[in-house]
All heavy atoms as atom14 arrays in JSON, in Angstrom:
{
  "sequence": "AFQGENMPKLLYVGKTRPAASAHPRIMHSHEDFLEMVLI",
  "atom14_mask": [
    [1, 1, 1, 1, 1, 0, 0, 0, 0, 0, 0, 0, 0, 0],
    [1, 1, 1, 1, 1, 1, 1, 1, 1, 1, 1, 0, 0, 0],
    [1, 1, 1, 1, 1, 1, 1, 1, 1, 0, 0, 0, 0, 0],
    [1, 1, 1, 1, 0, 0, 0, 0, 0, 0, 0, 0, 0, 0],
    [1, 1, 1, 1, 1, 1, 1, 1, 1, 0, 0, 0, 0, 0],
    [1, 1, 1, 1, 1, 1, 1, 1, 0, 0, 0, 0, 0, 0],
    [1, 1, 1, 1, 1, 1, 1, 1, 0, 0, 0, 0, 0, 0],
    [1, 1, 1, 1, 1, 1, 1, 0, 0, 0, 0, 0, 0, 0],
    [1, 1, 1, 1, 1, 1, 1, 1, 1, 0, 0, 0, 0, 0],
    [1, 1, 1, 1, 1, 1, 1, 1, 0, 0, 0, 0, 0, 0],
    [1, 1, 1, 1, 1, 1, 1, 1, 0, 0, 0, 0, 0, 0],
    [1, 1, 1, 1, 1, 1, 1, 1, 1, 1, 1, 1, 0, 0],
    [1, 1, 1, 1, 1, 1, 1, 0, 0, 0, 0, 0, 0, 0],
    [1, 1, 1, 1, 0, 0, 0, 0, 0, 0, 0, 0, 0, 0],
    [1, 1, 1, 1, 1, 1, 1, 1, 1, 0, 0, 0, 0, 0],
    [1, 1, 1, 1, 1, 1, 1, 0, 0, 0, 0, 0, 0, 0],
    [1, 1, 1, 1, 1, 1, 1, 1, 1, 1, 1, 0, 0, 0],
    [1, 1, 1, 1, 1, 1, 1, 0, 0, 0, 0, 0, 0, 0],
    [1, 1, 1, 1, 1, 0, 0, 0, 0, 0, 0, 0, 0, 0],
    [1, 1, 1, 1, 1, 0, 0, 0, 0, 0, 0, 0, 0, 0],
    [1, 1, 1, 1, 1, 1, 0, 0, 0, 0, 0, 0, 0, 0],
    [1, 1, 1, 1, 1, 0, 0, 0, 0, 0, 0, 0, 0, 0],
    [1, 1, 1, 1, 1, 1, 1, 1, 1, 1, 0, 0, 0, 0],
    [1, 1, 1, 1, 1, 1, 1, 0, 0, 0, 0, 0, 0, 0],
    [1, 1, 1, 1, 1, 1, 1, 1, 1, 1, 1, 0, 0, 0],
    [1, 1, 1, 1, 1, 1, 1, 1, 0, 0, 0, 0, 0, 0],
    [1, 1, 1, 1, 1, 1, 1, 1, 0, 0, 0, 0, 0, 0],
    [1, 1, 1, 1, 1, 1, 1, 1, 1, 1, 0, 0, 0, 0],
    [1, 1, 1, 1, 1, 1, 0, 0, 0, 0, 0, 0, 0, 0],
    [1, 1, 1, 1, 1, 1, 1, 1, 1, 1, 0, 0, 0, 0],
    [1, 1, 1, 1, 1, 1, 1, 1, 1, 0, 0, 0, 0, 0],
    [1, 1, 1, 1, 1, 1, 1, 1, 0, 0, 0, 0, 0, 0],
    [1, 1, 1, 1, 1, 1, 1, 1, 1, 1, 1, 0, 0, 0],
    [1, 1, 1, 1, 1, 1, 1, 1, 0, 0, 0, 0, 0, 0],
    [1, 1, 1, 1, 1, 1, 1, 1, 1, 0, 0, 0, 0, 0],
    [1, 1, 1, 1, 1, 1, 1, 1, 0, 0, 0, 0, 0, 0],
    [1, 1, 1, 1, 1, 1, 1, 0, 0, 0, 0, 0, 0, 0],
    [1, 1, 1, 1, 1, 1, 1, 1, 0, 0, 0, 0, 0, 0],
    [1, 1, 1, 1, 1, 1, 1, 1, 0, 0, 0, 0, 0, 0]
  ],
  "atom14_positions": [
    [[72.83, 155.85, 89.6], [74.22, 155.51, 89.92], [75.19, 156.19, 88.96], [76.39, 156.21, 89.2], [74.4, 153.99, 89.86], [0.0, 0.0, 0.0], [0.0, 0.0, 0.0], [0.0, 0.0, 0.0], [0.0, 0.0, 0.0], [0.0, 0.0, 0.0], [0.0, 0.0, 0.0], [0.0, 0.0, 0.0], [0.0, 0.0, 0.0], [0.0, 0.0, 0.0]],
    [[74.65, 156.77, 87.9], [75.49, 157.33, 86.84], [75.29, 158.84, 86.78], [74.37, 159.34, 86.12], [75.18, 156.66, 85.51], [75.32, 155.17, 85.57], [74.2, 154.36, 85.74], [76.57, 154.59, 85.52], [74.33, 152.98, 85.82], [76.71, 153.21, 85.61], [75.59, 152.41, 85.76], [0.0, 0.0, 0.0], [0.0, 0.0, 0.0], [0.0, 0.0, 0.0]],
    [[76.16, 159.54, 87.48], [76.1, 160.99, 87.53], [77.46, 161.52, 87.96], [78.34, 160.75, 88.34], [75.01, 161.46, 88.49], [75.12, 160.9, 89.89], [73.95, 161.28, 90.77], [73.39, 162.37, 90.64], [73.55, 160.4, 91.67], [0.0, 0.0, 0.0], [0.0, 0.0, 0.0], [0.0, 0.0, 0.0], [0.0, 0.0, 0.0], [0.0, 0.0, 0.0]],
    [[77.65, 162.81, 87.91], [78.94, 163.39, 88.27], [80.04, 162.95, 87.32], [79.93, 163.11, 86.1], [0.0, 0.0, 0.0], [0.0, 0.0, 0.0], [0.0, 0.0, 0.0], [0.0, 0.0, 0.0], [0.0, 0.0, 0.0], [0.0, 0.0, 0.0], [0.0, 0.0, 0.0], [0.0, 0.0, 0.0], [0.0, 0.0, 0.0], [0.0, 0.0, 0.0]],
    [[81.11, 162.36, 87.86], [82.22, 161.88, 87.04], [81.9, 160.55, 86.37], [82.62, 160.12, 85.47], [83.48, 161.73, 87.88], [84.03, 163.05, 88.42], [85.31, 162.86, 89.18], [85.76, 161.7, 89.32], [85.88, 163.86, 89.64], [0.0, 0.0, 0.0], [0.0, 0.0, 0.0], [0.0, 0.0, 0.0], [0.0, 0.0, 0.0], [0.0, 0.0, 0.0]],
    [[80.85, 159.91, 86.82], [80.48, 158.6, 86.27], [79.45, 158.77, 85.17], [78.25, 158.6, 85.37], [79.92, 157.7, 87.39], [79.73, 156.27, 86.94], [80.24, 155.86, 85.9], [79.02, 155.5, 87.73], [0.0, 0.0, 0.0], [0.0, 0.0, 0.0], [0.0, 0.0, 0.0], [0.0, 0.0, 0.0], [0.0, 0.0, 0.0], [0.0, 0.0, 0.0]],
    [[79.92, 159.13, 83.98], [79.05, 159.37, 82.83], [79.46, 158.46, 81.68], [80.3, 158.82, 80.85], [79.13, 160.84, 82.41], [78.66, 161.82, 83.49], [76.9, 161.64, 83.88], [76.17, 162.26, 82.37], [0.0, 0.0, 0.0], [0.0, 0.0, 0.0], [0.0, 0.0, 0.0], [0.0, 0.0, 0.0], [0.0, 0.0, 0.0], [0.0, 0.0, 0.0]],
    [[78.91, 157.25, 81.62], [79.31, 156.29, 80.6], [78.99, 156.78, 79.18], [78.06, 157.57, 78.97], [78.47, 155.05, 80.93], [78.06, 155.23, 82.35], [77.92, 156.7, 82.55], [0.0, 0.0, 0.0], [0.0, 0.0, 0.0], [0.0, 0.0, 0.0], [0.0, 0.0, 0.0], [0.0, 0.0, 0.0], [0.0, 0.0, 0.0], [0.0, 0.0, 0.0]],
    [[79.75, 156.28, 78.22], [79.53, 156.6, 76.82], [79.42, 155.31, 76.01], [80.29, 154.44, 76.09], [80.67, 157.45, 76.27], [80.49, 157.83, 74.8], [81.65, 158.67, 74.29], [81.44, 159.02, 72.81], [82.59, 159.82, 72.27], [0.0, 0.0, 0.0], [0.0, 0.0, 0.0], [0.0, 0.0, 0.0], [0.0, 0.0, 0.0], [0.0, 0.0, 0.0]],
    [[78.35, 155.19, 75.23], [78.14, 154.03, 74.39], [79.07, 154.1, 73.18], [79.14, 155.12, 72.49], [76.68, 153.97, 73.92], [76.32, 152.84, 72.96], [76.49, 151.49, 73.62], [74.88, 153.02, 72.46], [0.0, 0.0, 0.0], [0.0, 0.0, 0.0], [0.0, 0.0, 0.0], [0.0, 0.0, 0.0], [0.0, 0.0, 0.0], [0.0, 0.0, 0.0]],
    [[79.78, 153.0, 72.9], [80.72, 152.95, 71.78], [80.21, 152.11, 70.62], [80.29, 152.51, 69.47], [82.08, 152.43, 72.25], [82.73, 153.23, 73.38], [84.04, 152.59, 73.8], [82.96, 154.67, 72.95], [0.0, 0.0, 0.0], [0.0, 0.0, 0.0], [0.0, 0.0, 0.0], [0.0, 0.0, 0.0], [0.0, 0.0, 0.0], [0.0, 0.0, 0.0]],
    [[79.71, 150.93, 70.91], [79.12, 150.1, 69.86], [78.24, 149.02, 70.47], [78.33, 148.71, 71.65], [80.17, 149.48, 68.94], [81.14, 148.51, 69.59], [80.76, 147.23, 70.0], [82.47, 148.86, 69.75], [81.65, 146.35, 70.56], [83.39, 147.99, 70.31], [82.97, 146.74, 70.71], [83.87, 145.86, 71.29], [0.0, 0.0, 0.0], [0.0, 0.0, 0.0]],
    [[77.38, 148.47, 69.63], [76.56, 147.32, 70.0], [76.74, 146.28, 68.91], [76.7, 146.61, 67.72], [75.07, 147.7, 70.13], [74.24, 146.48, 70.53], [74.87, 148.82, 71.12], [0.0, 0.0, 0.0], [0.0, 0.0, 0.0], [0.0, 0.0, 0.0], [0.0, 0.0, 0.0], [0.0, 0.0, 0.0], [0.0, 0.0, 0.0], [0.0, 0.0, 0.0]],
    [[76.95, 145.03, 69.29], [77.17, 143.97, 68.31], [76.16, 142.86, 68.45], [75.59, 142.63, 69.52], [0.0, 0.0, 0.0], [0.0, 0.0, 0.0], [0.0, 0.0, 0.0], [0.0, 0.0, 0.0], [0.0, 0.0, 0.0], [0.0, 0.0, 0.0], [0.0, 0.0, 0.0], [0.0, 0.0, 0.0], [0.0, 0.0, 0.0], [0.0, 0.0, 0.0]],
    [[75.91, 142.2, 67.34], [75.01, 141.05, 67.33], [75.67, 139.9, 66.59], [76.12, 140.08, 65.46], [73.68, 141.42, 66.65], [72.64, 140.29, 66.66], [71.32, 140.77, 66.06], [70.24, 139.73, 66.13], [68.94, 140.23, 65.6], [0.0, 0.0, 0.0], [0.0, 0.0, 0.0], [0.0, 0.0, 0.0], [0.0, 0.0, 0.0], [0.0, 0.0, 0.0]],
    [[75.76, 138.75, 67.22], [76.37, 137.58, 66.63], [75.32, 136.5, 66.45], [74.77, 136.0, 67.44], [77.51, 137.04, 67.51], [78.47, 138.07, 67.71], [78.18, 135.85, 66.85], [0.0, 0.0, 0.0], [0.0, 0.0, 0.0], [0.0, 0.0, 0.0], [0.0, 0.0, 0.0], [0.0, 0.0, 0.0], [0.0, 0.0, 0.0], [0.0, 0.0, 0.0]],
    [[75.03, 136.17, 65.22], [74.1, 135.07, 64.96], [74.84, 133.74, 65.11], [76.06, 133.68, 64.91], [73.5, 135.22, 63.56], [72.64, 136.48, 63.46], [72.13, 136.74, 62.05], [71.29, 137.94, 62.02], [71.76, 139.17, 61.9], [73.06, 139.38, 61.77], [70.94, 140.21, 61.91], [0.0, 0.0, 0.0], [0.0, 0.0, 0.0], [0.0, 0.0, 0.0]],
    [[74.13, 132.66, 65.46], [74.81, 131.39, 65.76], [75.75, 130.92, 64.66], [76.82, 130.38, 64.95], [73.63, 130.42, 65.94], [72.53, 131.28, 66.47], [72.67, 132.6, 65.75], [0.0, 0.0, 0.0], [0.0, 0.0, 0.0], [0.0, 0.0, 0.0], [0.0, 0.0, 0.0], [0.0, 0.0, 0.0], [0.0, 0.0, 0.0], [0.0, 0.0, 0.0]],
    [[75.4, 131.14, 63.39], [76.25, 130.66, 62.3], [77.61, 131.34, 62.29], [78.57, 130.82, 61.71], [75.55, 130.9, 60.96], [0.0, 0.0, 0.0], [0.0, 0.0, 0.0], [0.0, 0.0, 0.0], [0.0, 0.0, 0.0], [0.0, 0.0, 0.0], [0.0, 0.0, 0.0], [0.0, 0.0, 0.0], [0.0, 0.0, 0.0], [0.0, 0.0, 0.0]],
    [[77.73, 132.48, 62.94], [79.01, 133.21, 62.96], [80.05, 132.53, 63.83], [81.21, 132.94, 63.85], [78.79, 134.64, 63.44], [0.0, 0.0, 0.0], [0.0, 0.0, 0.0], [0.0, 0.0, 0.0], [0.0, 0.0, 0.0], [0.0, 0.0, 0.0], [0.0, 0.0, 0.0], [0.0, 0.0, 0.0], [0.0, 0.0, 0.0], [0.0, 0.0, 0.0]],
    [[79.67, 131.47, 64.57], [80.65, 130.76, 65.37], [81.76, 130.17, 64.51], [82.84, 129.87, 65.0], [79.96, 129.64, 66.17], [79.01, 130.18, 67.07], [0.0, 0.0, 0.0], [0.0, 0.0, 0.0], [0.0, 0.0, 0.0], [0.0, 0.0, 0.0], [0.0, 0.0, 0.0], [0.0, 0.0, 0.0], [0.0, 0.0, 0.0], [0.0, 0.0, 0.0]],
    [[81.48, 130.01, 63.22], [82.51, 129.53, 62.3], [83.57, 130.59, 62.04], [84.64, 130.29, 61.52], [81.87, 129.09, 60.98], [0.0, 0.0, 0.0], [0.0, 0.0, 0.0], [0.0, 0.0, 0.0], [0.0, 0.0, 0.0], [0.0, 0.0, 0.0], [0.0, 0.0, 0.0], [0.0, 0.0, 0.0], [0.0, 0.0, 0.0], [0.0, 0.0, 0.0]],
    [[83.27, 131.84, 62.39], [84.21, 132.96, 62.19], [84.34, 133.71, 63.51], [83.81, 134.81, 63.67], [83.71, 133.89, 61.08], [83.36, 133.16, 59.82], [84.3, 132.62, 58.99], [82.15, 132.89, 59.26], [83.7, 132.04, 57.96], [82.39, 132.2, 58.11], [0.0, 0.0, 0.0], [0.0, 0.0, 0.0], [0.0, 0.0, 0.0], [0.0, 0.0, 0.0]],
    [[85.05, 133.14, 64.49], [85.02, 133.66, 65.86], [85.75, 134.99, 66.02], [86.67, 135.32, 65.28], [85.72, 132.56, 66.66], [86.65, 131.92, 65.68], [85.89, 131.94, 64.38], [0.0, 0.0, 0.0], [0.0, 0.0, 0.0], [0.0, 0.0, 0.0], [0.0, 0.0, 0.0], [0.0, 0.0, 0.0], [0.0, 0.0, 0.0], [0.0, 0.0, 0.0]],
    [[85.32, 135.75, 67.02], [86.04, 136.93, 67.49], [86.97, 136.4, 68.57], [86.53, 136.08, 69.68], [85.04, 137.94, 68.04], [85.69, 139.22, 68.56], [86.14, 140.11, 67.4], [86.54, 141.41, 67.92], [87.78, 141.72, 68.29], [88.74, 140.83, 68.18], [88.07, 142.92, 68.74], [0.0, 0.0, 0.0], [0.0, 0.0, 0.0], [0.0, 0.0, 0.0]],
    [[88.26, 136.26, 68.25], [89.13, 135.49, 69.13], [89.93, 136.38, 70.07], [89.62, 137.55, 70.24], [90.05, 134.57, 68.29], [90.97, 135.39, 67.4], [89.22, 133.61, 67.46], [91.99, 134.54, 66.67], [0.0, 0.0, 0.0], [0.0, 0.0, 0.0], [0.0, 0.0, 0.0], [0.0, 0.0, 0.0], [0.0, 0.0, 0.0], [0.0, 0.0, 0.0]],
    [[90.94, 135.83, 70.68], [91.7, 136.4, 71.79], [91.96, 137.9, 71.66], [92.68, 138.34, 70.77], [93.03, 135.66, 71.89], [93.72, 135.79, 73.21], [93.05, 134.63, 74.42], [93.56, 133.04, 73.75], [0.0, 0.0, 0.0], [0.0, 0.0, 0.0], [0.0, 0.0, 0.0], [0.0, 0.0, 0.0], [0.0, 0.0, 0.0], [0.0, 0.0, 0.0]],
    [[91.38, 138.69, 72.57], [91.59, 140.13, 72.53], [91.21, 140.75, 73.88], [90.63, 140.09, 74.74], [90.75, 140.78, 71.43], [89.28, 140.67, 71.64], [88.59, 139.47, 71.51], [88.35, 141.59, 71.98], [87.31, 139.67, 71.75], [87.13, 140.94, 72.04], [0.0, 0.0, 0.0], [0.0, 0.0, 0.0], [0.0, 0.0, 0.0], [0.0, 0.0, 0.0]],
    [[91.57, 142.01, 74.05], [91.17, 142.76, 75.23], [90.88, 144.19, 74.79], [91.21, 144.59, 73.67], [92.25, 142.75, 76.31], [93.42, 143.42, 75.86], [0.0, 0.0, 0.0], [0.0, 0.0, 0.0], [0.0, 0.0, 0.0], [0.0, 0.0, 0.0], [0.0, 0.0, 0.0], [0.0, 0.0, 0.0], [0.0, 0.0, 0.0], [0.0, 0.0, 0.0]],
    [[90.28, 144.97, 75.67], [89.98, 146.37, 75.39], [90.59, 147.21, 76.5], [90.25, 147.04, 77.68], [88.47, 146.6, 75.33], [87.75, 145.59, 74.48], [87.82, 145.6, 73.11], [86.96, 144.54, 74.82], [87.1, 144.6, 72.63], [86.57, 143.94, 73.65], [0.0, 0.0, 0.0], [0.0, 0.0, 0.0], [0.0, 0.0, 0.0], [0.0, 0.0, 0.0]],
    [[91.49, 148.11, 76.15], [92.26, 148.82, 77.16], [91.56, 150.05, 77.72], [91.88, 150.5, 78.8], [93.62, 149.22, 76.58], [94.49, 148.03, 76.18], [94.65, 147.01, 77.3], [94.89, 147.43, 78.47], [94.53, 145.81, 77.04], [0.0, 0.0, 0.0], [0.0, 0.0, 0.0], [0.0, 0.0, 0.0], [0.0, 0.0, 0.0], [0.0, 0.0, 0.0]],
    [[90.61, 150.62, 76.98], [90.01, 151.88, 77.44], [88.49, 151.84, 77.48], [87.84, 152.88, 77.44], [90.49, 153.04, 76.57], [90.24, 152.79, 75.09], [89.72, 151.72, 74.74], [90.58, 153.67, 74.28], [0.0, 0.0, 0.0], [0.0, 0.0, 0.0], [0.0, 0.0, 0.0], [0.0, 0.0, 0.0], [0.0, 0.0, 0.0], [0.0, 0.0, 0.0]],
    [[87.9, 150.67, 77.55], [86.46, 150.55, 77.77], [86.15, 149.13, 78.24], [86.99, 148.24, 78.16], [85.66, 150.89, 76.5], [85.93, 150.03, 75.31], [85.27, 148.82, 75.11], [86.85, 150.43, 74.34], [85.5, 148.03, 73.99], [87.11, 149.65, 73.22], [86.43, 148.45, 73.04], [0.0, 0.0, 0.0], [0.0, 0.0, 0.0], [0.0, 0.0, 0.0]],
    [[84.95, 148.94, 78.76], [84.52, 147.6, 79.16], [83.52, 147.06, 78.14], [82.91, 147.82, 77.39], [83.94, 147.59, 80.57], [82.61, 148.29, 80.85], [81.41, 147.42, 80.5], [82.53, 148.68, 82.33], [0.0, 0.0, 0.0], [0.0, 0.0, 0.0], [0.0, 0.0, 0.0], [0.0, 0.0, 0.0], [0.0, 0.0, 0.0], [0.0, 0.0, 0.0]],
    [[83.37, 145.76, 78.13], [82.45, 145.11, 77.21], [81.58, 144.13, 77.98], [82.06, 143.46, 78.9], [83.22, 144.38, 76.11], [82.34, 143.82, 75.0], [83.15, 143.19, 73.88], [83.92, 142.25, 74.17], [83.02, 143.63, 72.73], [0.0, 0.0, 0.0], [0.0, 0.0, 0.0], [0.0, 0.0, 0.0], [0.0, 0.0, 0.0], [0.0, 0.0, 0.0]],
    [[80.31, 144.07, 77.61], [79.41, 143.07, 78.16], [78.86, 142.22, 77.02], [78.56, 142.74, 75.94], [78.26, 143.73, 78.92], [78.69, 144.42, 80.2], [77.3, 145.01, 81.2], [76.73, 146.39, 80.2], [0.0, 0.0, 0.0], [0.0, 0.0, 0.0], [0.0, 0.0, 0.0], [0.0, 0.0, 0.0], [0.0, 0.0, 0.0], [0.0, 0.0, 0.0]],
    [[78.71, 140.93, 77.28], [78.2, 139.99, 76.28], [77.03, 139.23, 76.88], [77.14, 138.68, 77.99], [79.29, 139.0, 75.83], [78.72, 137.95, 74.88], [80.45, 139.73, 75.17], [0.0, 0.0, 0.0], [0.0, 0.0, 0.0], [0.0, 0.0, 0.0], [0.0, 0.0, 0.0], [0.0, 0.0, 0.0], [0.0, 0.0, 0.0], [0.0, 0.0, 0.0]],
    [[75.91, 139.21, 76.17], [74.74, 138.42, 76.58], [74.65, 137.19, 75.7], [74.54, 137.3, 74.47], [73.46, 139.25, 76.44], [72.17, 138.51, 76.83], [72.12, 138.25, 78.33], [70.94, 139.28, 76.38], [0.0, 0.0, 0.0], [0.0, 0.0, 0.0], [0.0, 0.0, 0.0], [0.0, 0.0, 0.0], [0.0, 0.0, 0.0], [0.0, 0.0, 0.0]],
    [[74.71, 136.0, 76.29], [74.57, 134.75, 75.55], [73.08, 134.48, 75.38], [72.36, 134.33, 76.38], [75.25, 133.58, 76.28], [76.72, 133.91, 76.6], [75.16, 132.31, 75.44], [77.6, 134.14, 75.41], [0.0, 0.0, 0.0], [0.0, 0.0, 0.0], [0.0, 0.0, 0.0], [0.0, 0.0, 0.0], [0.0, 0.0, 0.0], [0.0, 0.0, 0.0]]
  ]
}
């Protein structure tokens, strides 16, 4: 499904350990890429 003009680029990968909930990544958006989060 990814060919031609559809050539995604990886920007970063993040890992949040449960204890980090005390320091949340709060209200934000990304204007020039998409983000996926796995709980």
